Amino acid sequence: MEKPLHEYACVPCKGGVPPLTPEEIAPLLARLDRDWLAEDNRKLVKTFKFKNFIQAVEFVNQITPVAESEGHHPDLYVAWGKVTIYLWTHKINGLTSSDFYMAAKIDQIFNAQKSGQATAAAKP
């Protein structure tokens, strides 16, 4: 059995590699929470809902150290009661497996925050 996506480390892209094809994206997307979308097969997008602005900002603050340690930085859009996340590999303007790994790590952070657990478990 394959290990969960959040257990894989993101690999920095140096460019020169092709983005994943729709056929390669589909099985990885199927392993993520169903609310993740592959927008134009180029970006992963998901909106997370919160009770207020403070919870949304706390979520972003929990993502940033994981993103920094993975060297994989999502675009984070914060609004009252929600955070929308866009993930893609900028160097190739498309998706790599690392985008799916980071998405799974973000889901783990969200689930830990929702259940009140410490987010240290979300780190690789």
PDB file of N, CA and C in Angstrom:
ATOM      1  N   MET A   1       0.837  -1.190   0.000  1.00  0.00           N
ATOM      2  CA  MET A   1       0.000   0.000   0.000  1.00  0.00           C
ATOM      3  C   MET A   1       0.880   1.252   0.000  1.00  0.00           C
ATOM      4  N   GLU A   2       0.482   2.210  -0.817  1.00  0.00           N
ATOM      5  CA  GLU A   2       1.239   3.451  -0.875  1.00  0.00           C
ATOM      6  C   GLU A   2       1.044   4.267   0.384  1.00  0.00           C
ATOM      7  N   LYS A   3       2.095   5.000   0.753  1.00  0.00           N
ATOM      8  CA  LYS A   3       1.949   5.863   1.923  1.00  0.00           C
ATOM      9  C   LYS A   3       1.111   7.090   1.566  1.00  0.00           C
ATOM     10  N   PRO A   4       0.527   7.732   2.576  1.00  0.00           N
ATOM     11  CA  PRO A   4      -0.297   8.921   2.324  1.00  0.00           C
ATOM     12  C   PRO A   4       0.537  10.038   1.679  1.00  0.00           C
ATOM     13  N   LEU A   5      -0.112  10.846   0.864  1.00  0.00           N
ATOM     14  CA  LEU A   5       0.602  11.914   0.148  1.00  0.00           C
ATOM     15  C   LEU A   5       1.303  12.885   1.089  1.00  0.00           C
ATOM     16  N   HIS A   6       0.717  13.159   2.259  1.00  0.00           N
ATOM     17  CA  HIS A   6       1.340  14.126   3.168  1.00  0.00           C
ATOM     18  C   HIS A   6       2.683  13.632   3.725  1.00  0.00           C
ATOM     19  N   GLU A   7       2.982  12.351   3.583  1.00  0.00           N
ATOM     20  CA  GLU A   7       4.254  11.822   4.086  1.00  0.00           C
ATOM     21  C   GLU A   7       5.410  11.991   3.100  1.00  0.00           C
ATOM     22  N   TYR A   8       5.104  12.389   1.883  1.00  0.00           N
ATOM     23  CA  TYR A   8       6.158  12.621   0.899  1.00  0.00           C
ATOM     24  C   TYR A   8       6.715  14.032   1.058  1.00  0.00           C
ATOM     25  N   ALA A   9       8.001  14.190   0.809  1.00  0.00           N
ATOM     26  CA  ALA A   9       8.631  15.506   0.850  1.00  0.00           C
ATOM     27  C   ALA A   9       8.505  16.172  -0.518  1.00  0.00           C
ATOM     28  N   CYS A  10       8.271  17.464  -0.496  1.00  0.00           N
ATOM     29  CA  CYS A  10       8.235  18.225  -1.740  1.00  0.00           C
ATOM     30  C   CYS A  10       9.650  18.308  -2.307  1.00  0.00           C
ATOM     31  N   VAL A  11       9.733  18.227  -3.622  1.00  0.00           N
ATOM     32  CA  VAL A  11      11.021  18.293  -4.310  1.00  0.00           C
ATOM     33  C   VAL A  11      11.054  19.583  -5.112  1.00  0.00           C
ATOM     34  N   PRO A  12      12.032  20.465  -4.816  1.00  0.00           N
ATOM     35  CA  PRO A  12      12.096  21.717  -5.559  1.00  0.00           C
ATOM     36  C   PRO A  12      12.271  21.463  -7.056  1.00  0.00           C
ATOM     37  N   CYS A  13      11.531  22.210  -7.853  1.00  0.00           N
ATOM     38  CA  CYS A  13      11.598  22.074  -9.308  1.00  0.00           C
ATOM     39  C   CYS A  13      12.577  23.101  -9.846  1.00  0.00           C
ATOM     40  N   LYS A  14      13.514  22.639 -10.637  1.00  0.00           N
ATOM     41  CA  LYS A  14      14.498  23.531 -11.231  1.00  0.00           C
ATOM     42  C   LYS A  14      14.093  23.938 -12.642  1.00  0.00           C
ATOM     43  N   GLY A  15      12.911  23.521 -13.058  1.00  0.00           N
ATOM     44  CA  GLY A  15      12.458  23.826 -14.406  1.00  0.00           C
ATOM     45  C   GLY A  15      12.912  22.745 -15.369  1.00  0.00           C
ATOM     46  N   GLY A  16      12.473  22.862 -16.601  1.00  0.00           N
ATOM     47  CA  GLY A  16      12.897  21.919 -17.621  1.00  0.00           C
ATOM     48  C   GLY A  16      12.186  20.579 -17.596  1.00  0.00           C
ATOM     49  N   VAL A  17      11.247  20.403 -16.676  1.00  0.00           N
ATOM     50  CA  VAL A  17      10.468  19.166 -16.644  1.00  0.00           C
ATOM     51  C   VAL A  17       9.052  19.493 -17.098  1.00  0.00           C
ATOM     52  N   PRO A  18       8.404  18.565 -17.765  1.00  0.00           N
ATOM     53  CA  PRO A  18       7.036  18.853 -18.205  1.00  0.00           C
ATOM     54  C   PRO A  18       6.060  18.781 -17.034  1.00  0.00           C
ATOM     55  N   PRO A  19       5.012  19.596 -17.075  1.00  0.00           N
ATOM     56  CA  PRO A  19       3.980  19.466 -16.041  1.00  0.00           C
ATOM     57  C   PRO A  19       3.252  18.141 -16.196  1.00  0.00           C
ATOM     58  N   LEU A  20       2.600  17.722 -15.134  1.00  0.00           N
ATOM     59  CA  LEU A  20       1.829  16.486 -15.180  1.00  0.00           C
ATOM     60  C   LEU A  20       0.702  16.607 -16.214  1.00  0.00           C
ATOM     61  N   THR A  21       0.424  15.504 -16.852  1.00  0.00           N
ATOM     62  CA  THR A  21      -0.669  15.446 -17.828  1.00  0.00           C
ATOM     63  C   THR A  21      -1.982  15.196 -17.088  1.00  0.00           C
ATOM     64  N   PRO A  22      -3.117  15.422 -17.732  1.00  0.00           N
ATOM     65  CA  PRO A  22      -4.395  15.107 -17.079  1.00  0.00           C
ATOM     66  C   PRO A  22      -4.470  13.647 -16.614  1.00  0.00           C
ATOM     67  N   GLU A  23      -3.873  12.738 -17.366  1.00  0.00           N
ATOM     68  CA  GLU A  23      -3.877  11.319 -16.988  1.00  0.00           C
ATOM     69  C   GLU A  23      -3.019  11.074 -15.746  1.00  0.00           C
ATOM     70  N   GLU A  24      -1.977  11.868 -15.544  1.00  0.00           N
ATOM     71  CA  GLU A  24      -1.141  11.742 -14.350  1.00  0.00           C
ATOM     72  C   GLU A  24      -1.761  12.472 -13.156  1.00  0.00           C
ATOM     73  N   ILE A  25      -2.516  13.523 -13.439  1.00  0.00           N
ATOM     74  CA  ILE A  25      -3.153  14.313 -12.384  1.00  0.00           C
ATOM     75  C   ILE A  25      -4.291  13.535 -11.722  1.00  0.00           C
ATOM     76  N   ALA A  26      -5.103  12.868 -12.512  1.00  0.00           N
ATOM     77  CA  ALA A  26      -6.327  12.216 -12.012  1.00  0.00           C
ATOM     78  C   ALA A  26      -6.094  11.295 -10.807  1.00  0.00           C
ATOM     79  N   PRO A  27      -5.135  10.368 -10.834  1.00  0.00           N
ATOM     80  CA  PRO A  27      -4.984   9.484  -9.670  1.00  0.00           C
ATOM     81  C   PRO A  27      -4.468  10.214  -8.424  1.00  0.00           C
ATOM     82  N   LEU A  28      -3.662  11.246  -8.623  1.00  0.00           N
ATOM     83  CA  LEU A  28      -3.181  12.023  -7.476  1.00  0.00           C
ATOM     84  C   LEU A  28      -4.325  12.852  -6.886  1.00  0.00           C
ATOM     85  N   LEU A  29      -5.116  13.459  -7.744  1.00  0.00           N
ATOM     86  CA  LEU A  29      -6.256  14.252  -7.286  1.00  0.00           C
ATOM     87  C   LEU A  29      -7.246  13.375  -6.517  1.00  0.00           C
ATOM     88  N   ALA A  30      -7.405  12.148  -6.949  1.00  0.00           N
ATOM     89  CA  ALA A  30      -8.320  11.213  -6.286  1.00  0.00           C
ATOM     90  C   ALA A  30      -7.862  10.877  -4.862  1.00  0.00           C
ATOM     91  N   ARG A  31      -6.590  11.090  -4.574  1.00  0.00           N
ATOM     92  CA  ARG A  31      -6.054  10.793  -3.241  1.00  0.00           C
ATOM     93  C   ARG A  31      -6.168  11.982  -2.288  1.00  0.00           C
ATOM     94  N   LEU A  32      -6.590  13.137  -2.795  1.00  0.00           N
ATOM     95  CA  LEU A  32      -6.777  14.328  -1.967  1.00  0.00           C
ATOM     96  C   LEU A  32      -8.230  14.434  -1.525  1.00  0.00           C
ATOM     97  N   ASP A  33      -8.474  15.338  -0.590  1.00  0.00           N
ATOM     98  CA  ASP A  33      -9.839  15.665  -0.209  1.00  0.00           C
ATOM     99  C   ASP A  33     -10.611  16.060  -1.458  1.00  0.00           C
ATOM    100  N   ARG A  34     -11.869  15.667  -1.517  1.00  0.00           N
ATOM    101  CA  ARG A  34     -12.670  15.861  -2.733  1.00  0.00           C
ATOM    102  C   ARG A  34     -12.891  17.318  -3.103  1.00  0.00           C
ATOM    103  N   ASP A  35     -12.636  18.246  -2.189  1.00  0.00           N
ATOM    104  CA  ASP A  35     -12.852  19.661  -2.490  1.00  0.00           C
ATOM    105  C   ASP A  35     -11.699  20.305  -3.266  1.00  0.00           C
ATOM    106  N   TRP A  36     -10.592  19.612  -3.410  1.00  0.00           N
ATOM    107  CA  TRP A  36      -9.510  20.137  -4.248  1.00  0.00           C
ATOM    108  C   TRP A  36      -9.921  20.015  -5.715  1.00  0.00           C
ATOM    109  N   LEU A  37      -9.662  21.052  -6.474  1.00  0.00           N
ATOM    110  CA  LEU A  37      -9.946  21.064  -7.912  1.00  0.00           C
ATOM    111  C   LEU A  37      -8.650  21.271  -8.676  1.00  0.00           C
ATOM    112  N   ALA A  38      -8.547  20.638  -9.817  1.00  0.00           N
ATOM    113  CA  ALA A  38      -7.405  20.864 -10.713  1.00  0.00           C
ATOM    114  C   ALA A  38      -7.886  21.844 -11.782  1.00  0.00           C
ATOM    115  N   GLU A  39      -7.664  23.117 -11.526  1.00  0.00           N
ATOM    116  CA  GLU A  39      -8.128  24.176 -12.418  1.00  0.00           C
ATOM    117  C   GLU A  39      -7.315  24.153 -13.710  1.00  0.00           C
ATOM    118  N   ASP A  40      -7.986  23.874 -14.815  1.00  0.00           N
ATOM    119  CA  ASP A  40      -7.343  23.802 -16.138  1.00  0.00           C
ATOM    120  C   ASP A  40      -6.148  22.845 -16.166  1.00  0.00           C
ATOM    121  N   ASN A  41      -6.123  21.879 -15.251  1.00  0.00           N
ATOM    122  CA  ASN A  41      -4.998  20.937 -15.123  1.00  0.00           C
ATOM    123  C   ASN A  41      -3.666  21.653 -14.949  1.00  0.00           C
ATOM    124  N   ARG A  42      -3.711  22.854 -14.365  1.00  0.00           N
ATOM    125  CA  ARG A  42      -2.497  23.651 -14.154  1.00  0.00           C
ATOM    126  C   ARG A  42      -2.289  24.052 -12.700  1.00  0.00           C
ATOM    127  N   LYS A  43      -3.400  24.158 -11.943  1.00  0.00           N
ATOM    128  CA  LYS A  43      -3.325  24.601 -10.552  1.00  0.00           C
ATOM    129  C   LYS A  43      -4.296  23.785  -9.707  1.00  0.00           C
ATOM    130  N   LEU A  44      -3.891  23.530  -8.472  1.00  0.00           N
ATOM    131  CA  LEU A  44      -4.806  22.970  -7.483  1.00  0.00           C
ATOM    132  C   LEU A  44      -5.424  24.127  -6.716  1.00  0.00           C
ATOM    133  N   VAL A  45      -6.722  24.054  -6.486  1.00  0.00           N
ATOM    134  CA  VAL A  45      -7.436  25.129  -5.804  1.00  0.00           C
ATOM    135  C   VAL A  45      -8.397  24.524  -4.784  1.00  0.00           C
ATOM    136  N   LYS A  46      -8.422  25.147  -3.610  1.00  0.00           N
ATOM    137  CA  LYS A  46      -9.393  24.739  -2.593  1.00  0.00           C
ATOM    138  C   LYS A  46      -9.670  25.929  -1.680  1.00  0.00           C
ATOM    139  N   THR A  47     -10.927  26.080  -1.289  1.00  0.00           N
ATOM    140  CA  THR A  47     -11.308  27.097  -0.313  1.00  0.00           C
ATOM    141  C   THR A  47     -11.683  26.416   0.989  1.00  0.00           C
ATOM    142  N   PHE A  48     -11.063  26.888   2.063  1.00  0.00           N
ATOM    143  CA  PHE A  48     -11.319  26.384   3.410  1.00  0.00           C
ATOM    144  C   PHE A  48     -12.186  27.410   4.129  1.00  0.00           C
ATOM    145  N   LYS A  49     -13.201  26.950   4.839  1.00  0.00           N
ATOM    146  CA  LYS A  49     -14.142  27.832   5.543  1.00  0.00           C
ATOM    147  C   LYS A  49     -13.861  27.838   7.047  1.00  0.00           C
ATOM    148  N   PHE A  50     -14.050  29.030   7.639  1.00  0.00           N
ATOM    149  CA  PHE A  50     -13.817  29.227   9.066  1.00  0.00           C
ATOM    150  C   PHE A  50     -14.942  30.049   9.671  1.00  0.00           C
ATOM    151  N   LYS A  51     -15.018  30.053  10.990  1.00  0.00           N
ATOM    152  CA  LYS A  51     -16.074  30.806  11.681  1.00  0.00           C
ATOM    153  C   LYS A  51     -15.814  32.304  11.659  1.00  0.00           C
ATOM    154  N   ASN A  52     -14.540  32.699  11.507  1.00  0.00           N
ATOM    155  CA  ASN A  52     -14.222  34.122  11.557  1.00  0.00           C
ATOM    156  C   ASN A  52     -12.863  34.394  10.917  1.00  0.00           C
ATOM    157  N   PHE A  53     -12.481  35.629  10.898  1.00  0.00           N
ATOM    158  CA  PHE A  53     -11.216  36.049  10.288  1.00  0.00           C
ATOM    159  C   PHE A  53     -10.013  35.524  11.069  1.00  0.00           C
ATOM    160  N   ILE A  54     -10.105  35.548  12.380  1.00  0.00           N
ATOM    161  CA  ILE A  54      -8.973  35.109  13.214  1.00  0.00           C
ATOM    162  C   ILE A  54      -8.624  33.649  12.941  1.00  0.00           C
ATOM    163  N   GLN A  55      -9.619  32.780  12.836  1.00  0.00           N
ATOM    164  CA  GLN A  55      -9.350  31.372  12.549  1.00  0.00           C
ATOM    165  C   GLN A  55      -8.717  31.211  11.167  1.00  0.00           C
ATOM    166  N   ALA A  56      -9.154  32.007  10.216  1.00  0.00           N
ATOM    167  CA  ALA A  56      -8.575  31.940   8.871  1.00  0.00           C
ATOM    168  C   ALA A  56      -7.098  32.326   8.905  1.00  0.00           C
ATOM    169  N   VAL A  57      -6.783  33.389   9.622  1.00  0.00           N
ATOM    170  CA  VAL A  57      -5.386  33.839   9.724  1.00  0.00           C
ATOM    171  C   VAL A  57      -4.550  32.824  10.500  1.00  0.00           C
ATOM    172  N   GLU A  58      -5.109  32.238  11.544  1.00  0.00           N
ATOM    173  CA  GLU A  58      -4.388  31.201  12.294  1.00  0.00           C
ATOM    174  C   GLU A  58      -4.037  30.021  11.385  1.00  0.00           C
ATOM    175  N   PHE A  59      -4.944  29.654  10.515  1.00  0.00           N
ATOM    176  CA  PHE A  59      -4.699  28.566   9.560  1.00  0.00           C
ATOM    177  C   PHE A  59      -3.522  28.915   8.648  1.00  0.00           C
ATOM    178  N   VAL A  60      -3.528  30.117   8.112  1.00  0.00           N
ATOM    179  CA  VAL A  60      -2.420  30.563   7.265  1.00  0.00           C
ATOM    180  C   VAL A  60      -1.111  30.535   8.050  1.00  0.00           C
ATOM    181  N   ASN A  61      -1.153  30.983   9.295  1.00  0.00           N
ATOM    182  CA  ASN A  61       0.052  30.989  10.124  1.00  0.00           C
ATOM    183  C   ASN A  61       0.568  29.584  10.415  1.00  0.00           C
ATOM    184  N   GLN A  62      -0.305  28.595  10.357  1.00  0.00           N
ATOM    185  CA  GLN A  62       0.128  27.214  10.556  1.00  0.00           C
ATOM    186  C   GLN A  62       0.674  26.614   9.259  1.00  0.00           C
ATOM    187  N   ILE A  63       0.217  27.106   8.134  1.00  0.00           N
ATOM    188  CA  ILE A  63       0.716  26.622   6.846  1.00  0.00           C
ATOM    189  C   ILE A  63       2.119  27.142   6.553  1.00  0.00           C
ATOM    190  N   THR A  64       2.386  28.383   6.900  1.00  0.00           N
ATOM    191  CA  THR A  64       3.637  29.021   6.461  1.00  0.00           C
ATOM    192  C   THR A  64       4.910  28.293   6.894  1.00  0.00           C
ATOM    193  N   PRO A  65       5.044  27.802   8.129  1.00  0.00           N
ATOM    194  CA  PRO A  65       6.291  27.099   8.450  1.00  0.00           C
ATOM    195  C   PRO A  65       6.449  25.780   7.690  1.00  0.00           C
ATOM    196  N   VAL A  66       5.341  25.110   7.424  1.00  0.00           N
ATOM    197  CA  VAL A  66       5.399  23.859   6.660  1.00  0.00           C
ATOM    198  C   VAL A  66       5.803  24.172   5.220  1.00  0.00           C
ATOM    199  N   ALA A  67       5.192  25.193   4.638  1.00  0.00           N
ATOM    200  CA  ALA A  67       5.541  25.596   3.272  1.00  0.00           C
ATOM    201  C   ALA A  67       7.012  25.975   3.184  1.00  0.00           C
ATOM    202  N   GLU A  68       7.487  26.698   4.167  1.00  0.00           N
ATOM    203  CA  GLU A  68       8.891  27.120   4.169  1.00  0.00           C
ATOM    204  C   GLU A  68       9.824  25.919   4.300  1.00  0.00           C
ATOM    205  N   SER A  69       9.497  24.988   5.199  1.00  0.00           N
ATOM    206  CA  SER A  69      10.369  23.823   5.378  1.00  0.00           C
ATOM    207  C   SER A  69      10.350  22.909   4.156  1.00  0.00           C
ATOM    208  N   GLU A  70       9.234  22.894   3.437  1.00  0.00           N
ATOM    209  CA  GLU A  70       9.130  22.078   2.222  1.00  0.00           C
ATOM    210  C   GLU A  70       9.686  22.799   1.001  1.00  0.00           C
ATOM    211  N   GLY A  71       9.914  24.110   1.110  1.00  0.00           N
ATOM    212  CA  GLY A  71      10.369  24.878  -0.045  1.00  0.00           C
ATOM    213  C   GLY A  71       9.298  24.944  -1.130  1.00  0.00           C
ATOM    214  N   HIS A  72       8.035  24.878  -0.701  1.00  0.00           N
ATOM    215  CA  HIS A  72       6.920  24.875  -1.649  1.00  0.00           C
ATOM    216  C   HIS A  72       5.860  25.833  -1.116  1.00  0.00           C
ATOM    217  N   HIS A  73       5.716  26.963  -1.793  1.00  0.00           N
ATOM    218  CA  HIS A  73       4.940  28.070  -1.253  1.00  0.00           C
ATOM    219  C   HIS A  73       3.649  28.300  -2.035  1.00  0.00           C
ATOM    220  N   PRO A  74       2.508  27.965  -1.439  1.00  0.00           N
ATOM    221  CA  PRO A  74       1.232  28.188  -2.115  1.00  0.00           C
ATOM    222  C   PRO A  74       0.863  29.667  -2.119  1.00  0.00           C
ATOM    223  N   ASP A  75      -0.022  30.041  -3.026  1.00  0.00           N
ATOM    224  CA  ASP A  75      -0.630  31.362  -2.984  1.00  0.00           C
ATOM    225  C   ASP A  75      -1.808  31.256  -2.034  1.00  0.00           C
ATOM    226  N   LEU A  76      -1.841  32.126  -1.035  1.00  0.00           N
ATOM    227  CA  LEU A  76      -2.849  32.085   0.013  1.00  0.00           C
ATOM    228  C   LEU A  76      -3.661  33.374  -0.025  1.00  0.00           C
ATOM    229  N   TYR A  77      -4.970  33.241  -0.175  1.00  0.00           N
ATOM    230  CA  TYR A  77      -5.858  34.392  -0.203  1.00  0.00           C
ATOM    231  C   TYR A  77      -6.782  34.319   1.005  1.00  0.00           C
ATOM    232  N   VAL A  78      -6.632  35.303   1.898  1.00  0.00           N
ATOM    233  CA  VAL A  78      -7.369  35.309   3.154  1.00  0.00           C
ATOM    234  C   VAL A  78      -8.498  36.325   3.070  1.00  0.00           C
ATOM    235  N   ALA A  79      -9.682  35.903   3.474  1.00  0.00           N
ATOM    236  CA  ALA A  79     -10.843  36.780   3.574  1.00  0.00           C
ATOM    237  C   ALA A  79     -11.571  36.404   4.854  1.00  0.00           C
ATOM    238  N   TRP A  80     -12.578  37.172   5.212  1.00  0.00           N
ATOM    239  CA  TRP A  80     -13.324  36.877   6.415  1.00  0.00           C
ATOM    240  C   TRP A  80     -13.951  35.490   6.278  1.00  0.00           C
ATOM    241  N   GLY A  81     -13.548  34.590   7.162  1.00  0.00           N
ATOM    242  CA  GLY A  81     -14.146  33.263   7.212  1.00  0.00           C
ATOM    243  C   GLY A  81     -13.693  32.287   6.152  1.00  0.00           C
ATOM    244  N   LYS A  82     -12.663  32.644   5.380  1.00  0.00           N
ATOM    245  CA  LYS A  82     -12.200  31.672   4.382  1.00  0.00           C
ATOM    246  C   LYS A  82     -10.765  31.941   3.956  1.00  0.00           C
ATOM    247  N   VAL A  83     -10.141  30.869   3.494  1.00  0.00           N
ATOM    248  CA  VAL A  83      -8.808  30.936   2.889  1.00  0.00           C
ATOM    249  C   VAL A  83      -8.878  30.118   1.609  1.00  0.00           C
ATOM    250  N   THR A  84      -8.516  30.756   0.500  1.00  0.00           N
ATOM    251  CA  THR A  84      -8.442  30.035  -0.764  1.00  0.00           C
ATOM    252  C   THR A  84      -6.972  29.819  -1.072  1.00  0.00           C
ATOM    253  N   ILE A  85      -6.653  28.583  -1.427  1.00  0.00           N
ATOM    254  CA  ILE A  85      -5.266  28.196  -1.687  1.00  0.00           C
ATOM    255  C   ILE A  85      -5.125  27.785  -3.139  1.00  0.00           C
ATOM    256  N   TYR A  86      -4.078  28.315  -3.765  1.00  0.00           N
ATOM    257  CA  TYR A  86      -3.697  27.939  -5.126  1.00  0.00           C
ATOM    258  C   TYR A  86      -2.307  27.327  -5.050  1.00  0.00           C
ATOM    259  N   LEU A  87      -2.178  26.137  -5.596  1.00  0.00           N
ATOM    260  CA  LEU A  87      -0.894  25.435  -5.616  1.00  0.00           C
ATOM    261  C   LEU A  87      -0.537  25.073  -7.048  1.00  0.00           C
ATOM    262  N   TRP A  88       0.653  25.406  -7.451  1.00  0.00           N
ATOM    263  CA  TRP A  88       1.196  24.945  -8.716  1.00  0.00           C
ATOM    264  C   TRP A  88       2.688  25.205  -8.684  1.00  0.00           C
ATOM    265  N   THR A  89       3.384  24.595  -9.593  1.00  0.00           N
ATOM    266  CA  THR A  89       4.830  24.779  -9.662  1.00  0.00           C
ATOM    267  C   THR A  89       5.093  25.902 -10.656  1.00  0.00           C
ATOM    268  N   HIS A  90       5.474  27.043 -10.111  1.00  0.00           N
ATOM    269  CA  HIS A  90       5.618  28.257 -10.902  1.00  0.00           C
ATOM    270  C   HIS A  90       6.640  28.107 -12.035  1.00  0.00           C
ATOM    271  N   LYS A  91       7.730  27.414 -11.775  1.00  0.00           N
ATOM    272  CA  LYS A  91       8.797  27.287 -12.784  1.00  0.00           C
ATOM    273  C   LYS A  91       8.334  26.649 -14.080  1.00  0.00           C
ATOM    274  N   ILE A  92       7.329  25.785 -13.985  1.00  0.00           N
ATOM    275  CA  ILE A  92       6.847  25.113 -15.199  1.00  0.00           C
ATOM    276  C   ILE A  92       5.394  25.493 -15.516  1.00  0.00           C
ATOM    277  N   ASN A  93       4.837  26.398 -14.703  1.00  0.00           N
ATOM    278  CA  ASN A  93       3.460  26.855 -14.878  1.00  0.00           C
ATOM    279  C   ASN A  93       2.490  25.680 -15.023  1.00  0.00           C
ATOM    280  N   GLY A  94       2.647  24.731 -14.124  1.00  0.00           N
ATOM    281  CA  GLY A  94       1.801  23.542 -14.142  1.00  0.00           C
ATOM    282  C   GLY A  94       1.969  22.766 -12.851  1.00  0.00           C
ATOM    283  N   LEU A  95       1.443  21.566 -12.848  1.00  0.00           N
ATOM    284  CA  LEU A  95       1.452  20.735 -11.646  1.00  0.00           C
ATOM    285  C   LEU A  95       2.554  19.682 -11.671  1.00  0.00           C
ATOM    286  N   THR A  96       3.136  19.462 -10.493  1.00  0.00           N
ATOM    287  CA  THR A  96       4.055  18.346 -10.260  1.00  0.00           C
ATOM    288  C   THR A  96       3.510  17.557  -9.079  1.00  0.00           C
ATOM    289  N   SER A  97       4.093  16.434  -8.801  1.00  0.00           N
ATOM    290  CA  SER A  97       3.641  15.630  -7.659  1.00  0.00           C
ATOM    291  C   SER A  97       3.781  16.407  -6.351  1.00  0.00           C
ATOM    292  N   SER A  98       4.767  17.284  -6.255  1.00  0.00           N
ATOM    293  CA  SER A  98       4.959  18.062  -5.025  1.00  0.00           C
ATOM    294  C   SER A  98       3.760  18.941  -4.699  1.00  0.00           C
ATOM    295  N   ASP A  99       3.055  19.406  -5.713  1.00  0.00           N
ATOM    296  CA  ASP A  99       1.859  20.212  -5.462  1.00  0.00           C
ATOM    297  C   ASP A  99       0.810  19.382  -4.716  1.00  0.00           C
ATOM    298  N   PHE A 100       0.695  18.127  -5.059  1.00  0.00           N
ATOM    299  CA  PHE A 100      -0.260  17.236  -4.396  1.00  0.00           C
ATOM    300  C   PHE A 100       0.210  16.904  -2.985  1.00  0.00           C
ATOM    301  N   TYR A 101       1.527  16.765  -2.806  1.00  0.00           N
ATOM    302  CA  TYR A 101       2.060  16.504  -1.472  1.00  0.00           C
ATOM    303  C   TYR A 101       1.754  17.683  -0.550  1.00  0.00           C
ATOM    304  N   MET A 102       1.966  18.902  -1.056  1.00  0.00           N
ATOM    305  CA  MET A 102       1.714  20.091  -0.242  1.00  0.00           C
ATOM    306  C   MET A 102       0.226  20.228   0.047  1.00  0.00           C
ATOM    307  N   ALA A 103      -0.626  19.927  -0.920  1.00  0.00           N
ATOM    308  CA  ALA A 103      -2.072  19.983  -0.696  1.00  0.00           C
ATOM    309  C   ALA A 103      -2.470  19.031   0.430  1.00  0.00           C
ATOM    310  N   ALA A 104      -1.906  17.848   0.443  1.00  0.00           N
ATOM    311  CA  ALA A 104      -2.218  16.870   1.493  1.00  0.00           C
ATOM    312  C   ALA A 104      -1.720  17.356   2.851  1.00  0.00           C
ATOM    313  N   LYS A 105      -0.577  18.012   2.872  1.00  0.00           N
ATOM    314  CA  LYS A 105      -0.054  18.563   4.122  1.00  0.00           C
ATOM    315  C   LYS A 105      -0.979  19.671   4.635  1.00  0.00           C
ATOM    316  N   ILE A 106      -1.490  20.490   3.723  1.00  0.00           N
ATOM    317  CA  ILE A 106      -2.412  21.563   4.103  1.00  0.00           C
ATOM    318  C   ILE A 106      -3.701  20.975   4.663  1.00  0.00           C
ATOM    319  N   ASP A 107      -4.210  19.931   4.034  1.00  0.00           N
ATOM    320  CA  ASP A 107      -5.405  19.265   4.574  1.00  0.00           C
ATOM    321  C   ASP A 107      -5.150  18.729   5.975  1.00  0.00           C
ATOM    322  N   GLN A 108      -3.977  18.190   6.188  1.00  0.00           N
ATOM    323  CA  GLN A 108      -3.641  17.657   7.508  1.00  0.00           C
ATOM    324  C   GLN A 108      -3.620  18.783   8.549  1.00  0.00           C
ATOM    325  N   ILE A 109      -3.073  19.935   8.178  1.00  0.00           N
ATOM    326  CA  ILE A 109      -3.054  21.091   9.074  1.00  0.00           C
ATOM    327  C   ILE A 109      -4.484  21.523   9.400  1.00  0.00           C
ATOM    328  N   PHE A 110      -5.315  21.614   8.367  1.00  0.00           N
ATOM    329  CA  PHE A 110      -6.709  22.017   8.558  1.00  0.00           C
ATOM    330  C   PHE A 110      -7.435  21.048   9.488  1.00  0.00           C
ATOM    331  N   ASN A 111      -7.278  19.770   9.245  1.00  0.00           N
ATOM    332  CA  ASN A 111      -7.951  18.762  10.072  1.00  0.00           C
ATOM    333  C   ASN A 111      -7.472  18.804  11.512  1.00  0.00           C
ATOM    334  N   ALA A 112      -6.179  19.070  11.723  1.00  0.00           N
ATOM    335  CA  ALA A 112      -5.644  19.183  13.072  1.00  0.00           C
ATOM    336  C   ALA A 112      -6.190  20.424  13.769  1.00  0.00           C
ATOM    337  N   GLN A 113      -6.279  21.538  13.028  1.00  0.00           N
ATOM    338  CA  GLN A 113      -6.823  22.765  13.607  1.00  0.00           C
ATOM    339  C   GLN A 113      -8.288  22.567  13.969  1.00  0.00           C
ATOM    340  N   LYS A 114      -9.033  21.928  13.081  1.00  0.00           N
ATOM    341  CA  LYS A 114     -10.456  21.693  13.292  1.00  0.00           C
ATOM    342  C   LYS A 114     -10.692  20.832  14.535  1.00  0.00           C
ATOM    343  N   SER A 115      -9.809  19.863  14.743  1.00  0.00           N
ATOM    344  CA  SER A 115      -9.994  18.969  15.889  1.00  0.00           C
ATOM    345  C   SER A 115      -9.272  19.479  17.133  1.00  0.00           C
ATOM    346  N   GLY A 116      -8.571  20.621  17.010  1.00  0.00           N
ATOM    347  CA  GLY A 116      -7.906  21.202  18.160  1.00  0.00           C
ATOM    348  C   GLY A 116      -6.566  20.604  18.494  1.00  0.00           C
ATOM    349  N   GLN A 117      -6.033  19.775  17.599  1.00  0.00           N
ATOM    350  CA  GLN A 117      -4.735  19.160  17.843  1.00  0.00           C
ATOM    351  C   GLN A 117      -3.613  20.119  17.498  1.00  0.00           C
ATOM    352  N   ALA A 118      -2.450  19.871  18.042  1.00  0.00           N
ATOM    353  CA  ALA A 118      -1.265  20.647  17.677  1.00  0.00           C
ATOM    354  C   ALA A 118      -0.922  20.347  16.230  1.00  0.00           C
ATOM    355  N   THR A 119      -0.435  21.335  15.501  1.00  0.00           N
ATOM    356  CA  THR A 119      -0.138  21.129  14.093  1.00  0.00           C
ATOM    357  C   THR A 119       1.267  20.599  13.856  1.00  0.00           C
ATOM    358  N   ALA A 120       2.019  20.377  14.906  1.00  0.00           N
ATOM    359  CA  ALA A 120       3.345  19.810  14.701  1.00  0.00           C
ATOM    360  C   ALA A 120       3.264  18.483  13.977  1.00  0.00           C
ATOM    361  N   ALA A 121       2.175  17.776  14.147  1.00  0.00           N
ATOM    362  CA  ALA A 121       1.978  16.488  13.475  1.00  0.00           C
ATOM    363  C   ALA A 121       1.857  16.669  11.965  1.00  0.00           C
ATOM    364  N   ALA A 122       1.559  17.866  11.508  1.00  0.00           N
ATOM    365  CA  ALA A 122       1.384  18.116  10.082  1.00  0.00           C
ATOM    366  C   ALA A 122       2.713  18.276   9.370  1.00  0.00           C
ATOM    367  N   LYS A 123       3.785  18.437  10.129  1.00  0.00           N
ATOM    368  CA  LYS A 123       5.097  18.614   9.501  1.00  0.00           C
ATOM    369  C   LYS A 123       5.630  17.266   9.051  1.00  0.00           C
ATOM    370  N   PRO A 124       6.462  17.292   8.001  1.00  0.00           N
ATOM    371  CA  PRO A 124       6.988  16.016   7.487  1.00  0.00           C
ATOM    372  C   PRO A 124       7.902  15.332   8.491  1.00  0.00           C
TER     373      PRO A 124
END
